[in-house]
Amino acid sequence: MSVLKHRMTLIFTNRVIWFLRVFEISFTTILVIENRRSVVLTQRAYRRKYRGKQAPSDNTIRRLVSNFL
Protein backbone atom coordinates (compact mmCIF):
# COMPACT_ATOMS: atom_id res chain seq x y z
CA MET A 1 0.00 0.00 0.00
CA SER A 2 1.39 3.38 -0.89
CA VAL A 3 2.07 5.92 1.81
CA LEU A 4 -0.57 8.29 0.44
CA LYS A 5 -3.24 5.60 0.29
CA HIS A 6 -2.37 4.48 3.83
CA ARG A 7 -2.59 8.07 5.08
CA MET A 8 -5.95 8.63 3.37
CA THR A 9 -7.25 5.42 4.95
CA LEU A 10 -6.17 6.64 8.39
CA ILE A 11 -7.79 10.04 7.86
CA PHE A 12 -11.03 8.41 6.73
CA THR A 13 -10.98 5.98 9.67
CA ASN A 14 -10.34 8.77 12.18
CA ARG A 15 -13.19 10.85 10.77
CA VAL A 16 -15.60 7.90 10.93
CA ILE A 17 -14.59 7.22 14.53
CA TRP A 18 -15.01 10.93 15.35
CA PHE A 19 -18.44 11.00 13.71
CA LEU A 20 -19.58 7.92 15.64
CA ARG A 21 -18.34 9.43 18.89
CA VAL A 22 -20.22 12.68 18.20
CA PHE A 23 -23.33 10.62 17.45
CA GLU A 24 -23.01 8.79 20.79
CA ILE A 25 -22.64 12.09 22.64
CA SER A 26 -25.69 13.53 20.86
CA PHE A 27 -27.65 10.38 21.57
CA THR A 28 -26.74 10.58 25.27
CA THR A 29 -27.84 14.22 25.44
CA ILE A 30 -31.16 13.40 23.78
CA LEU A 31 -31.68 10.52 26.23
CA VAL A 32 -31.23 12.86 29.17
CA ILE A 33 -33.86 15.21 27.82
CA GLU A 34 -36.26 12.34 27.02
CA ASN A 35 -35.78 10.76 30.47
CA ARG A 36 -36.53 14.00 32.27
CA ARG A 37 -32.90 14.49 33.28
CA SER A 38 -32.65 11.12 35.04
CA VAL A 39 -29.04 9.98 34.86
CA VAL A 40 -29.89 6.40 35.83
CA LEU A 41 -32.55 6.04 33.12
CA THR A 42 -30.15 7.57 30.61
CA GLN A 43 -27.43 5.07 31.52
CA ARG A 44 -29.86 2.17 31.17
CA ALA A 45 -31.03 3.35 27.76
CA TYR A 46 -27.40 3.80 26.67
CA ARG A 47 -26.58 0.23 27.72
CA ARG A 48 -29.59 -1.07 25.79
CA LYS A 49 -28.53 0.79 22.65
CA TYR A 50 -24.79 0.07 22.83
CA ARG A 51 -24.56 -3.43 24.25
CA GLY A 52 -21.13 -4.27 25.55
CA LYS A 53 -20.11 -0.64 26.05
CA GLN A 54 -19.91 0.93 29.46
CA ALA A 55 -22.38 3.77 29.96
CA PRO A 56 -20.99 7.24 30.65
CA SER A 57 -20.65 8.18 34.31
CA ASP A 58 -23.14 10.51 35.93
CA ASN A 59 -20.62 13.38 35.92
CA THR A 60 -19.93 12.87 32.21
CA ILE A 61 -23.63 12.91 31.40
CA ARG A 62 -24.19 16.09 33.40
CA ARG A 63 -21.20 17.77 31.72
CA LEU A 64 -22.42 16.81 28.24
CA VAL A 65 -25.85 18.24 28.94
CA SER A 66 -24.51 21.47 30.42
CA ASN A 67 -22.19 21.94 27.43
CA PHE A 68 -25.05 21.22 25.07
CA LEU A 69 -27.38 23.69 26.74
C-alpha atoms as a PDB file:
ATOM      1  CA  MET A   1       0.000   0.000   0.000  1.00  0.00           C
ATOM      2  CA  SER A   2       1.389   3.384  -0.885  1.00  0.00           C
ATOM      3  CA  VAL A   3       2.069   5.924   1.811  1.00  0.00           C
ATOM      4  CA  LEU A   4      -0.572   8.295   0.436  1.00  0.00           C
ATOM      5  CA  LYS A   5      -3.236   5.597   0.287  1.00  0.00           C
ATOM      6  CA  HIS A   6      -2.375   4.482   3.826  1.00  0.00           C
ATOM      7  CA  ARG A   7      -2.586   8.073   5.084  1.00  0.00           C
ATOM      8  CA  MET A   8      -5.946   8.629   3.366  1.00  0.00           C
ATOM      9  CA  THR A   9      -7.247   5.421   4.951  1.00  0.00           C
ATOM     10  CA  LEU A  10      -6.168   6.636   8.394  1.00  0.00           C
ATOM     11  CA  ILE A  11      -7.788  10.041   7.861  1.00  0.00           C
ATOM     12  CA  PHE A  12     -11.027   8.413   6.730  1.00  0.00           C
ATOM     13  CA  THR A  13     -10.975   5.980   9.668  1.00  0.00           C
ATOM     14  CA  ASN A  14     -10.339   8.769  12.175  1.00  0.00           C
ATOM     15  CA  ARG A  15     -13.193  10.847  10.767  1.00  0.00           C
ATOM     16  CA  VAL A  16     -15.601   7.903  10.929  1.00  0.00           C
ATOM     17  CA  ILE A  17     -14.593   7.222  14.530  1.00  0.00           C
ATOM     18  CA  TRP A  18     -15.007  10.926  15.352  1.00  0.00           C
ATOM     19  CA  PHE A  19     -18.441  10.996  13.712  1.00  0.00           C
ATOM     20  CA  LEU A  20     -19.580   7.917  15.638  1.00  0.00           C
ATOM     21  CA  ARG A  21     -18.342   9.427  18.886  1.00  0.00           C
ATOM     22  CA  VAL A  22     -20.219  12.676  18.204  1.00  0.00           C
ATOM     23  CA  PHE A  23     -23.329  10.616  17.450  1.00  0.00           C
ATOM     24  CA  GLU A  24     -23.012   8.791  20.790  1.00  0.00           C
ATOM     25  CA  ILE A  25     -22.639  12.091  22.639  1.00  0.00           C
ATOM     26  CA  SER A  26     -25.690  13.531  20.859  1.00  0.00           C
ATOM     27  CA  PHE A  27     -27.655  10.378  21.569  1.00  0.00           C
ATOM     28  CA  THR A  28     -26.740  10.582  25.265  1.00  0.00           C
ATOM     29  CA  THR A  29     -27.841  14.215  25.440  1.00  0.00           C
ATOM     30  CA  ILE A  30     -31.157  13.396  23.777  1.00  0.00           C
ATOM     31  CA  LEU A  31     -31.680  10.519  26.226  1.00  0.00           C
ATOM     32  CA  VAL A  32     -31.232  12.857  29.171  1.00  0.00           C
ATOM     33  CA  ILE A  33     -33.861  15.206  27.824  1.00  0.00           C
ATOM     34  CA  GLU A  34     -36.259  12.341  27.021  1.00  0.00           C
ATOM     35  CA  ASN A  35     -35.783  10.764  30.468  1.00  0.00           C
ATOM     36  CA  ARG A  36     -36.533  13.999  32.271  1.00  0.00           C
ATOM     37  CA  ARG A  37     -32.896  14.491  33.279  1.00  0.00           C
ATOM     38  CA  SER A  38     -32.645  11.121  35.036  1.00  0.00           C
ATOM     39  CA  VAL A  39     -29.043   9.984  34.857  1.00  0.00           C
ATOM     40  CA  VAL A  40     -29.892   6.397  35.831  1.00  0.00           C
ATOM     41  CA  LEU A  41     -32.547   6.043  33.123  1.00  0.00           C
ATOM     42  CA  THR A  42     -30.150   7.568  30.606  1.00  0.00           C
ATOM     43  CA  GLN A  43     -27.429   5.069  31.517  1.00  0.00           C
ATOM     44  CA  ARG A  44     -29.862   2.167  31.174  1.00  0.00           C
ATOM     45  CA  ALA A  45     -31.028   3.348  27.762  1.00  0.00           C
ATOM     46  CA  TYR A  46     -27.402   3.799  26.670  1.00  0.00           C
ATOM     47  CA  ARG A  47     -26.577   0.228  27.720  1.00  0.00           C
ATOM     48  CA  ARG A  48     -29.585  -1.069  25.790  1.00  0.00           C
ATOM     49  CA  LYS A  49     -28.533   0.794  22.646  1.00  0.00           C
ATOM     50  CA  TYR A  50     -24.788   0.074  22.829  1.00  0.00           C
ATOM     51  CA  ARG A  51     -24.564  -3.428  24.245  1.00  0.00           C
ATOM     52  CA  GLY A  52     -21.134  -4.273  25.553  1.00  0.00           C
ATOM     53  CA  LYS A  53     -20.107  -0.641  26.052  1.00  0.00           C
ATOM     54  CA  GLN A  54     -19.914   0.931  29.458  1.00  0.00           C
ATOM     55  CA  ALA A  55     -22.380   3.770  29.956  1.00  0.00           C
ATOM     56  CA  PRO A  56     -20.985   7.239  30.647  1.00  0.00           C
ATOM     57  CA  SER A  57     -20.652   8.180  34.308  1.00  0.00           C
ATOM     58  CA  ASP A  58     -23.139  10.514  35.932  1.00  0.00           C
ATOM     59  CA  ASN A  59     -20.618  13.377  35.918  1.00  0.00           C
ATOM     60  CA  THR A  60     -19.934  12.871  32.214  1.00  0.00           C
ATOM     61  CA  ILE A  61     -23.632  12.911  31.397  1.00  0.00           C
ATOM     62  CA  ARG A  62     -24.194  16.087  33.401  1.00  0.00           C
ATOM     63  CA  ARG A  63     -21.200  17.767  31.720  1.00  0.00           C
ATOM     64  CA  LEU A  64     -22.421  16.806  28.244  1.00  0.00           C
ATOM     65  CA  VAL A  65     -25.854  18.244  28.938  1.00  0.00           C
ATOM     66  CA  SER A  66     -24.508  21.471  30.422  1.00  0.00           C
ATOM     67  CA  ASN A  67     -22.188  21.940  27.434  1.00  0.00           C
ATOM     68  CA  PHE A  68     -25.052  21.218  25.072  1.00  0.00           C
ATOM     69  CA  LEU A  69     -27.384  23.689  26.740  1.00  0.00           C
END
